[in-house]
Amino acid sequence: MMLDSLAFISRWISRATLAFAAIGLIAMTGIIGWAVFARYSLGDAPAWAEQAALLLMVWFVLLAAAVGVREQFHLGMSAATNAMPPFLRRLCRVVSLLAMAAFGLAMGVWGGELVARTWAFDIPTLGVPRGAAYLPLPIAGWMSVFFALEHLICEARGRKVEPLWN
């Protein structure tokens, strides 16, 4: 029961995050398109466009990378691990998941500190706190921890995390 609830929550977070990242990618593409049009057709690009595009890119890249932990679409050494006996293959998978969880924990803790220390400063062209540019670090970090733990729990119970797509 708990594992089913965890899987439901995890899938929902993964879907919502990917949708949010897709919207960010579309918005960034529109902003860059507008900036190019304005620069070459109107002779004056908006000052905010570059910073807005960068802010969106940081958000959608980090959030999509966190979902990559759940969906297992990150880089791996499958050629090497597939040649190993089952025990070593499983050990490598567990060590990899623990490393991802540790990295996510570091992102969550120190990314949160970075957000707190930079929140009082504004991005001049956008008028938003500088910490908003770093906010995806702790969010993606804690999501990575959650998704890695989901995989570890499933691994311990002899199950696999069901991906959103194949």
N, C-alpha and C. Protein backbone atom coordinates (compact mmCIF):
# COMPACT_ATOMS: atom_id res chain seq x y z
N MET A 1 0.83 -1.20 0.00
CA MET A 1 0.00 0.00 0.00
C MET A 1 0.87 1.26 0.00
N MET A 2 1.86 1.31 0.92
CA MET A 2 2.72 2.47 0.98
C MET A 2 3.49 2.66 -0.33
N LEU A 3 3.96 1.54 -0.89
CA LEU A 3 4.71 1.61 -2.14
C LEU A 3 3.83 2.11 -3.29
N ASP A 4 2.57 1.71 -3.31
CA ASP A 4 1.65 2.20 -4.34
C ASP A 4 1.38 3.69 -4.18
N SER A 5 1.23 4.15 -2.95
CA SER A 5 1.03 5.58 -2.70
C SER A 5 2.26 6.37 -3.10
N LEU A 6 3.44 5.84 -2.76
CA LEU A 6 4.69 6.49 -3.13
C LEU A 6 4.81 6.58 -4.65
N ALA A 7 4.48 5.50 -5.34
CA ALA A 7 4.55 5.48 -6.80
C ALA A 7 3.58 6.49 -7.41
N PHE A 8 2.38 6.58 -6.86
CA PHE A 8 1.39 7.54 -7.36
C PHE A 8 1.90 8.97 -7.19
N ILE A 9 2.39 9.29 -6.01
CA ILE A 9 2.90 10.64 -5.74
C ILE A 9 4.10 10.94 -6.63
N SER A 10 4.98 9.97 -6.77
CA SER A 10 6.18 10.15 -7.58
C SER A 10 5.83 10.40 -9.05
N ARG A 11 4.90 9.61 -9.58
CA ARG A 11 4.48 9.81 -10.98
C ARG A 11 3.84 11.18 -11.16
N TRP A 12 3.01 11.59 -10.20
CA TRP A 12 2.35 12.88 -10.29
C TRP A 12 3.38 14.01 -10.27
N ILE A 13 4.35 13.95 -9.36
CA ILE A 13 5.40 14.97 -9.29
C ILE A 13 6.20 14.99 -10.58
N SER A 14 6.52 13.82 -11.09
CA SER A 14 7.30 13.72 -12.32
C SER A 14 6.55 14.34 -13.51
N ARG A 15 5.28 13.99 -13.66
CA ARG A 15 4.47 14.56 -14.76
C ARG A 15 4.35 16.07 -14.64
N ALA A 16 4.02 16.55 -13.45
CA ALA A 16 3.83 17.99 -13.24
C ALA A 16 5.13 18.74 -13.49
N THR A 17 6.24 18.18 -13.05
CA THR A 17 7.54 18.82 -13.24
C THR A 17 7.90 18.88 -14.72
N LEU A 18 7.68 17.79 -15.43
CA LEU A 18 7.97 17.79 -16.87
C LEU A 18 7.08 18.78 -17.62
N ALA A 19 5.82 18.88 -17.22
CA ALA A 19 4.92 19.86 -17.85
C ALA A 19 5.41 21.28 -17.58
N PHE A 20 5.80 21.55 -16.34
CA PHE A 20 6.33 22.87 -15.98
C PHE A 20 7.60 23.17 -16.77
N ALA A 21 8.50 22.17 -16.89
CA ALA A 21 9.73 22.36 -17.66
C ALA A 21 9.43 22.60 -19.13
N ALA A 22 8.45 21.90 -19.69
CA ALA A 22 8.08 22.10 -21.09
C ALA A 22 7.53 23.50 -21.32
N ILE A 23 6.72 23.98 -20.39
CA ILE A 23 6.20 25.35 -20.50
C ILE A 23 7.35 26.34 -20.45
N GLY A 24 8.33 26.09 -19.57
CA GLY A 24 9.51 26.95 -19.49
C GLY A 24 10.30 26.96 -20.78
N LEU A 25 10.46 25.79 -21.40
CA LEU A 25 11.18 25.70 -22.67
C LEU A 25 10.45 26.47 -23.77
N ILE A 26 9.14 26.33 -23.82
CA ILE A 26 8.34 27.05 -24.81
C ILE A 26 8.43 28.56 -24.58
N ALA A 27 8.33 28.97 -23.32
CA ALA A 27 8.42 30.40 -23.00
C ALA A 27 9.80 30.94 -23.35
N MET A 28 10.86 30.19 -23.04
CA MET A 28 12.21 30.63 -23.37
C MET A 28 12.37 30.77 -24.88
N THR A 29 11.84 29.82 -25.63
CA THR A 29 11.92 29.89 -27.09
C THR A 29 11.20 31.13 -27.61
N GLY A 30 10.03 31.41 -27.06
CA GLY A 30 9.29 32.61 -27.45
C GLY A 30 10.04 33.89 -27.12
N ILE A 31 10.64 33.94 -25.94
CA ILE A 31 11.40 35.14 -25.53
C ILE A 31 12.59 35.35 -26.44
N ILE A 32 13.32 34.28 -26.74
CA ILE A 32 14.48 34.41 -27.62
C ILE A 32 14.03 34.81 -29.03
N GLY A 33 12.95 34.22 -29.50
CA GLY A 33 12.41 34.62 -30.81
C GLY A 33 12.03 36.08 -30.85
N TRP A 34 11.38 36.55 -29.78
CA TRP A 34 11.01 37.96 -29.71
C TRP A 34 12.26 38.84 -29.68
N ALA A 35 13.28 38.45 -28.92
CA ALA A 35 14.51 39.25 -28.82
C ALA A 35 15.21 39.35 -30.17
N VAL A 36 15.27 38.24 -30.90
CA VAL A 36 15.90 38.25 -32.23
C VAL A 36 15.10 39.13 -33.18
N PHE A 37 13.78 38.97 -33.19
CA PHE A 37 12.93 39.80 -34.04
C PHE A 37 13.10 41.28 -33.69
N ALA A 38 13.07 41.58 -32.41
CA ALA A 38 13.18 42.99 -31.99
C ALA A 38 14.54 43.57 -32.36
N ARG A 39 15.59 42.79 -32.20
CA ARG A 39 16.93 43.29 -32.50
C ARG A 39 17.10 43.55 -33.99
N TYR A 40 16.67 42.62 -34.83
CA TYR A 40 16.95 42.75 -36.26
C TYR A 40 15.85 43.44 -37.05
N SER A 41 14.63 43.43 -36.57
CA SER A 41 13.55 44.07 -37.31
C SER A 41 13.21 45.45 -36.74
N LEU A 42 13.26 45.57 -35.43
CA LEU A 42 12.91 46.83 -34.80
C LEU A 42 14.13 47.65 -34.40
N GLY A 43 15.30 47.02 -34.45
CA GLY A 43 16.54 47.72 -34.14
C GLY A 43 16.80 47.89 -32.65
N ASP A 44 16.03 47.27 -31.79
CA ASP A 44 16.23 47.43 -30.35
C ASP A 44 15.69 46.21 -29.61
N ALA A 45 16.60 45.42 -29.05
CA ALA A 45 16.18 44.22 -28.31
C ALA A 45 15.81 44.61 -26.88
N PRO A 46 14.81 43.95 -26.31
CA PRO A 46 14.45 44.25 -24.92
C PRO A 46 15.58 43.84 -23.97
N ALA A 47 15.86 44.68 -23.00
CA ALA A 47 16.96 44.44 -22.06
C ALA A 47 16.72 43.22 -21.19
N TRP A 48 15.47 42.89 -20.94
CA TRP A 48 15.13 41.80 -20.03
C TRP A 48 15.19 40.42 -20.66
N ALA A 49 15.22 40.35 -21.99
CA ALA A 49 15.04 39.07 -22.69
C ALA A 49 16.13 38.05 -22.36
N GLU A 50 17.38 38.48 -22.38
CA GLU A 50 18.47 37.53 -22.13
C GLU A 50 18.40 36.95 -20.72
N GLN A 51 18.21 37.81 -19.73
CA GLN A 51 18.14 37.33 -18.35
C GLN A 51 16.90 36.45 -18.11
N ALA A 52 15.79 36.81 -18.73
CA ALA A 52 14.58 35.99 -18.58
C ALA A 52 14.78 34.61 -19.19
N ALA A 53 15.41 34.56 -20.37
CA ALA A 53 15.67 33.28 -21.02
C ALA A 53 16.62 32.42 -20.19
N LEU A 54 17.66 33.04 -19.63
CA LEU A 54 18.59 32.30 -18.78
C LEU A 54 17.91 31.77 -17.52
N LEU A 55 17.08 32.60 -16.91
CA LEU A 55 16.36 32.20 -15.70
C LEU A 55 15.47 30.99 -16.00
N LEU A 56 14.73 31.05 -17.09
CA LEU A 56 13.87 29.93 -17.47
C LEU A 56 14.67 28.67 -17.78
N MET A 57 15.82 28.85 -18.45
CA MET A 57 16.64 27.70 -18.80
C MET A 57 17.16 26.99 -17.55
N VAL A 58 17.63 27.75 -16.58
CA VAL A 58 18.10 27.14 -15.33
C VAL A 58 16.99 26.33 -14.70
N TRP A 59 15.78 26.90 -14.67
CA TRP A 59 14.65 26.21 -14.06
C TRP A 59 14.33 24.91 -14.79
N PHE A 60 14.13 24.97 -16.13
CA PHE A 60 13.67 23.75 -16.79
C PHE A 60 14.76 22.69 -16.91
N VAL A 61 16.01 23.09 -17.01
CA VAL A 61 17.09 22.10 -17.09
C VAL A 61 17.25 21.36 -15.76
N LEU A 62 17.30 22.10 -14.65
CA LEU A 62 17.49 21.45 -13.36
C LEU A 62 16.29 20.59 -12.96
N LEU A 63 15.09 21.07 -13.22
CA LEU A 63 13.91 20.28 -12.87
C LEU A 63 13.80 19.02 -13.73
N ALA A 64 14.08 19.15 -15.01
CA ALA A 64 14.05 17.97 -15.88
C ALA A 64 15.15 16.98 -15.50
N ALA A 65 16.30 17.49 -15.06
CA ALA A 65 17.37 16.59 -14.60
C ALA A 65 16.95 15.82 -13.36
N ALA A 66 16.21 16.46 -12.47
CA ALA A 66 15.71 15.77 -11.28
C ALA A 66 14.74 14.66 -11.68
N VAL A 67 13.88 14.93 -12.64
CA VAL A 67 12.97 13.90 -13.13
C VAL A 67 13.76 12.76 -13.78
N GLY A 68 14.91 13.10 -14.36
CA GLY A 68 15.78 12.09 -14.94
C GLY A 68 16.22 11.03 -13.95
N VAL A 69 16.32 11.40 -12.68
CA VAL A 69 16.65 10.42 -11.65
C VAL A 69 15.54 9.38 -11.56
N ARG A 70 14.30 9.83 -11.57
CA ARG A 70 13.17 8.90 -11.48
C ARG A 70 13.04 8.06 -12.75
N GLU A 71 13.13 8.74 -13.88
CA GLU A 71 12.88 8.08 -15.16
C GLU A 71 14.10 7.33 -15.69
N GLN A 72 15.24 7.49 -15.01
CA GLN A 72 16.48 6.80 -15.39
C GLN A 72 16.94 7.17 -16.80
N PHE A 73 16.76 8.45 -17.19
CA PHE A 73 17.27 8.84 -18.50
C PHE A 73 18.55 9.65 -18.38
N HIS A 74 19.25 9.50 -17.25
CA HIS A 74 20.55 10.11 -17.07
C HIS A 74 21.62 9.19 -17.67
N LEU A 75 22.84 9.69 -17.74
CA LEU A 75 23.92 8.90 -18.30
C LEU A 75 24.22 7.71 -17.40
N GLY A 76 24.58 6.61 -18.01
CA GLY A 76 24.91 5.41 -17.25
C GLY A 76 25.94 4.58 -17.97
N MET A 77 26.43 3.57 -17.29
CA MET A 77 27.44 2.67 -17.86
C MET A 77 26.80 1.31 -18.09
N SER A 78 25.70 1.28 -18.82
CA SER A 78 24.95 0.03 -18.98
C SER A 78 25.75 -1.06 -19.68
N ALA A 79 26.64 -0.71 -20.58
CA ALA A 79 27.43 -1.74 -21.26
C ALA A 79 28.29 -2.49 -20.25
N ALA A 80 28.86 -1.76 -19.30
CA ALA A 80 29.70 -2.40 -18.28
C ALA A 80 28.85 -3.17 -17.28
N THR A 81 27.78 -2.54 -16.79
CA THR A 81 26.97 -3.21 -15.76
C THR A 81 26.20 -4.41 -16.31
N ASN A 82 25.79 -4.36 -17.55
CA ASN A 82 25.06 -5.49 -18.13
C ASN A 82 25.95 -6.73 -18.27
N ALA A 83 27.26 -6.53 -18.34
CA ALA A 83 28.20 -7.65 -18.44
C ALA A 83 28.51 -8.27 -17.08
N MET A 84 28.07 -7.62 -16.01
CA MET A 84 28.36 -8.10 -14.65
C MET A 84 27.36 -9.17 -14.22
N PRO A 85 27.77 -9.97 -13.24
CA PRO A 85 26.80 -10.91 -12.66
C PRO A 85 25.70 -10.14 -11.93
N PRO A 86 24.53 -10.73 -11.75
CA PRO A 86 23.38 -10.02 -11.16
C PRO A 86 23.68 -9.34 -9.82
N PHE A 87 24.44 -9.98 -8.95
CA PHE A 87 24.74 -9.38 -7.65
C PHE A 87 25.52 -8.07 -7.81
N LEU A 88 26.56 -8.09 -8.65
CA LEU A 88 27.35 -6.87 -8.86
C LEU A 88 26.54 -5.79 -9.58
N ARG A 89 25.71 -6.21 -10.52
CA ARG A 89 24.85 -5.26 -11.23
C ARG A 89 23.94 -4.54 -10.24
N ARG A 90 23.34 -5.30 -9.34
CA ARG A 90 22.45 -4.70 -8.33
C ARG A 90 23.24 -3.80 -7.38
N LEU A 91 24.42 -4.23 -6.98
CA LEU A 91 25.27 -3.42 -6.10
C LEU A 91 25.62 -2.10 -6.77
N CYS A 92 25.98 -2.14 -8.04
CA CYS A 92 26.30 -0.90 -8.77
C CYS A 92 25.08 0.01 -8.85
N ARG A 93 23.92 -0.56 -9.06
CA ARG A 93 22.69 0.23 -9.13
C ARG A 93 22.42 0.91 -7.79
N VAL A 94 22.60 0.18 -6.70
CA VAL A 94 22.37 0.74 -5.36
C VAL A 94 23.39 1.83 -5.06
N VAL A 95 24.66 1.59 -5.36
CA VAL A 95 25.70 2.60 -5.12
C VAL A 95 25.42 3.84 -5.95
N SER A 96 25.00 3.66 -7.19
CA SER A 96 24.67 4.80 -8.06
C SER A 96 23.50 5.60 -7.49
N LEU A 97 22.48 4.91 -7.01
CA LEU A 97 21.32 5.61 -6.43
C LEU A 97 21.69 6.34 -5.14
N LEU A 98 22.55 5.73 -4.33
CA LEU A 98 23.01 6.40 -3.11
C LEU A 98 23.83 7.65 -3.45
N ALA A 99 24.66 7.55 -4.49
CA ALA A 99 25.45 8.71 -4.92
C ALA A 99 24.53 9.83 -5.43
N MET A 100 23.49 9.47 -6.19
CA MET A 100 22.54 10.48 -6.67
C MET A 100 21.79 11.12 -5.51
N ALA A 101 21.42 10.31 -4.52
CA ALA A 101 20.73 10.86 -3.35
C ALA A 101 21.66 11.80 -2.58
N ALA A 102 22.93 11.43 -2.43
CA ALA A 102 23.89 12.28 -1.72
C ALA A 102 24.10 13.59 -2.48
N PHE A 103 24.22 13.51 -3.79
CA PHE A 103 24.38 14.72 -4.59
C PHE A 103 23.13 15.60 -4.49
N GLY A 104 21.96 14.98 -4.54
CA GLY A 104 20.71 15.73 -4.38
C GLY A 104 20.62 16.38 -3.02
N LEU A 105 21.06 15.67 -1.99
CA LEU A 105 21.07 16.23 -0.63
C LEU A 105 21.97 17.46 -0.57
N ALA A 106 23.15 17.38 -1.17
CA ALA A 106 24.06 18.53 -1.21
C ALA A 106 23.42 19.70 -1.96
N MET A 107 22.79 19.41 -3.09
CA MET A 107 22.10 20.47 -3.83
C MET A 107 20.99 21.09 -2.99
N GLY A 108 20.25 20.24 -2.29
CA GLY A 108 19.14 20.73 -1.47
C GLY A 108 19.61 21.62 -0.35
N VAL A 109 20.63 21.19 0.38
CA VAL A 109 21.11 21.95 1.54
C VAL A 109 21.84 23.21 1.10
N TRP A 110 22.89 23.05 0.29
CA TRP A 110 23.70 24.22 -0.08
C TRP A 110 23.00 25.10 -1.10
N GLY A 111 22.17 24.53 -1.93
CA GLY A 111 21.36 25.35 -2.83
C GLY A 111 20.39 26.22 -2.05
N GLY A 112 19.82 25.65 -0.99
CA GLY A 112 18.93 26.43 -0.11
C GLY A 112 19.66 27.58 0.56
N GLU A 113 20.90 27.32 0.99
CA GLU A 113 21.71 28.40 1.58
C GLU A 113 21.99 29.49 0.55
N LEU A 114 22.31 29.09 -0.67
CA LEU A 114 22.57 30.06 -1.73
C LEU A 114 21.35 30.92 -2.01
N VAL A 115 20.18 30.29 -2.06
CA VAL A 115 18.94 31.04 -2.27
C VAL A 115 18.73 32.05 -1.15
N ALA A 116 18.91 31.61 0.08
CA ALA A 116 18.70 32.50 1.23
C ALA A 116 19.67 33.67 1.22
N ARG A 117 20.91 33.43 0.83
CA ARG A 117 21.92 34.49 0.84
C ARG A 117 21.77 35.48 -0.32
N THR A 118 21.11 35.08 -1.38
CA THR A 118 21.00 35.95 -2.55
C THR A 118 19.60 36.52 -2.76
N TRP A 119 18.65 36.13 -1.91
CA TRP A 119 17.27 36.56 -2.11
C TRP A 119 17.11 38.08 -2.00
N ALA A 120 17.92 38.74 -1.22
CA ALA A 120 17.79 40.18 -1.00
C ALA A 120 18.29 41.01 -2.18
N PHE A 121 18.98 40.39 -3.10
CA PHE A 121 19.53 41.11 -4.25
C PHE A 121 18.66 40.85 -5.48
N ASP A 122 18.43 41.89 -6.26
CA ASP A 122 17.57 41.77 -7.45
C ASP A 122 18.38 41.52 -8.71
N ILE A 123 17.74 40.86 -9.67
CA ILE A 123 18.25 40.80 -11.04
C ILE A 123 17.77 42.10 -11.67
N PRO A 124 18.67 43.04 -11.96
CA PRO A 124 18.26 44.40 -12.34
C PRO A 124 17.28 44.48 -13.52
N THR A 125 17.51 43.70 -14.56
CA THR A 125 16.66 43.82 -15.74
C THR A 125 15.29 43.17 -15.56
N LEU A 126 15.16 42.31 -14.54
CA LEU A 126 13.89 41.62 -14.33
C LEU A 126 13.14 42.11 -13.10
N GLY A 127 13.87 42.66 -12.14
CA GLY A 127 13.23 43.12 -10.91
C GLY A 127 12.76 41.98 -10.01
N VAL A 128 13.36 40.81 -10.18
CA VAL A 128 13.04 39.67 -9.30
C VAL A 128 14.28 39.35 -8.46
N PRO A 129 14.08 38.73 -7.32
CA PRO A 129 15.24 38.41 -6.48
C PRO A 129 16.23 37.48 -7.18
N ARG A 130 17.52 37.73 -6.97
CA ARG A 130 18.56 36.87 -7.54
C ARG A 130 18.37 35.43 -7.07
N GLY A 131 17.88 35.26 -5.86
CA GLY A 131 17.64 33.92 -5.33
C GLY A 131 16.68 33.11 -6.18
N ALA A 132 15.81 33.78 -6.94
CA ALA A 132 14.88 33.06 -7.82
C ALA A 132 15.63 32.27 -8.89
N ALA A 133 16.82 32.77 -9.28
CA ALA A 133 17.62 32.06 -10.27
C ALA A 133 18.24 30.79 -9.68
N TYR A 134 18.44 30.78 -8.37
CA TYR A 134 19.05 29.63 -7.70
C TYR A 134 18.03 28.71 -7.04
N LEU A 135 16.79 29.12 -6.97
CA LEU A 135 15.75 28.33 -6.31
C LEU A 135 15.58 26.92 -6.88
N PRO A 136 15.78 26.72 -8.19
CA PRO A 136 15.64 25.34 -8.68
C PRO A 136 16.71 24.39 -8.14
N LEU A 137 17.83 24.91 -7.64
CA LEU A 137 18.86 24.03 -7.07
C LEU A 137 18.33 23.21 -5.90
N PRO A 138 17.80 23.85 -4.84
CA PRO A 138 17.30 23.02 -3.74
C PRO A 138 16.05 22.22 -4.12
N ILE A 139 15.20 22.78 -4.98
CA ILE A 139 14.00 22.03 -5.39
C ILE A 139 14.41 20.76 -6.13
N ALA A 140 15.29 20.91 -7.13
CA ALA A 140 15.74 19.75 -7.90
C ALA A 140 16.54 18.79 -7.02
N GLY A 141 17.30 19.34 -6.08
CA GLY A 141 18.07 18.48 -5.18
C GLY A 141 17.18 17.60 -4.33
N TRP A 142 16.17 18.19 -3.71
CA TRP A 142 15.26 17.40 -2.85
C TRP A 142 14.42 16.44 -3.68
N MET A 143 14.06 16.85 -4.90
CA MET A 143 13.34 15.92 -5.78
C MET A 143 14.22 14.73 -6.14
N SER A 144 15.50 14.99 -6.40
CA SER A 144 16.44 13.90 -6.72
C SER A 144 16.55 12.92 -5.55
N VAL A 145 16.61 13.46 -4.33
CA VAL A 145 16.66 12.60 -3.14
C VAL A 145 15.40 11.74 -3.09
N PHE A 146 14.25 12.36 -3.27
CA PHE A 146 12.97 11.63 -3.22
C PHE A 146 12.93 10.52 -4.27
N PHE A 147 13.31 10.86 -5.50
CA PHE A 147 13.24 9.87 -6.58
C PHE A 147 14.27 8.75 -6.37
N ALA A 148 15.47 9.09 -5.89
CA ALA A 148 16.47 8.06 -5.62
C ALA A 148 16.00 7.13 -4.50
N LEU A 149 15.39 7.71 -3.46
CA LEU A 149 14.86 6.88 -2.37
C LEU A 149 13.75 5.95 -2.87
N GLU A 150 12.92 6.46 -3.77
CA GLU A 150 11.87 5.61 -4.34
C GLU A 150 12.50 4.40 -5.02
N HIS A 151 13.56 4.64 -5.81
CA HIS A 151 14.24 3.53 -6.49
C HIS A 151 14.87 2.57 -5.48
N LEU A 152 15.47 3.11 -4.42
CA LEU A 152 16.10 2.25 -3.42
C LEU A 152 15.07 1.39 -2.69
N ILE A 153 13.92 1.97 -2.37
CA ILE A 153 12.85 1.20 -1.72
C ILE A 153 12.36 0.09 -2.64
N CYS A 154 12.14 0.44 -3.90
CA CYS A 154 11.70 -0.58 -4.86
C CYS A 154 12.77 -1.66 -5.03
N GLU A 155 14.02 -1.24 -5.10
CA GLU A 155 15.13 -2.20 -5.24
C GLU A 155 15.15 -3.17 -4.06
N ALA A 156 14.95 -2.65 -2.85
CA ALA A 156 14.96 -3.49 -1.65
C ALA A 156 13.80 -4.49 -1.64
N ARG A 157 12.73 -4.13 -2.32
CA ARG A 157 11.54 -5.01 -2.35
C ARG A 157 11.46 -5.83 -3.63
N GLY A 158 12.52 -5.77 -4.43
CA GLY A 158 12.54 -6.56 -5.65
C GLY A 158 11.63 -6.05 -6.75
N ARG A 159 11.30 -4.78 -6.71
CA ARG A 159 10.43 -4.18 -7.72
C ARG A 159 11.20 -3.12 -8.49
N LYS A 160 10.60 -2.66 -9.56
CA LYS A 160 11.17 -1.57 -10.37
C LYS A 160 10.21 -0.40 -10.35
N VAL A 161 10.78 0.80 -10.47
CA VAL A 161 9.95 2.00 -10.62
C VAL A 161 9.41 1.99 -12.04
N GLU A 162 8.10 2.15 -12.16
CA GLU A 162 7.47 2.16 -13.47
C GLU A 162 7.65 3.53 -14.10
N PRO A 163 8.38 3.61 -15.23
CA PRO A 163 8.60 4.92 -15.86
C PRO A 163 7.32 5.47 -16.48
N LEU A 164 7.31 6.77 -16.69
CA LEU A 164 6.15 7.40 -17.33
C LEU A 164 6.03 6.97 -18.78
N TRP A 165 7.13 6.68 -19.40
CA TRP A 165 7.12 6.21 -20.79
C TRP A 165 8.26 5.20 -20.95
N ASN A 166 8.23 4.46 -22.03
CA ASN A 166 9.28 3.45 -22.27
C ASN A 166 10.27 3.94 -23.28
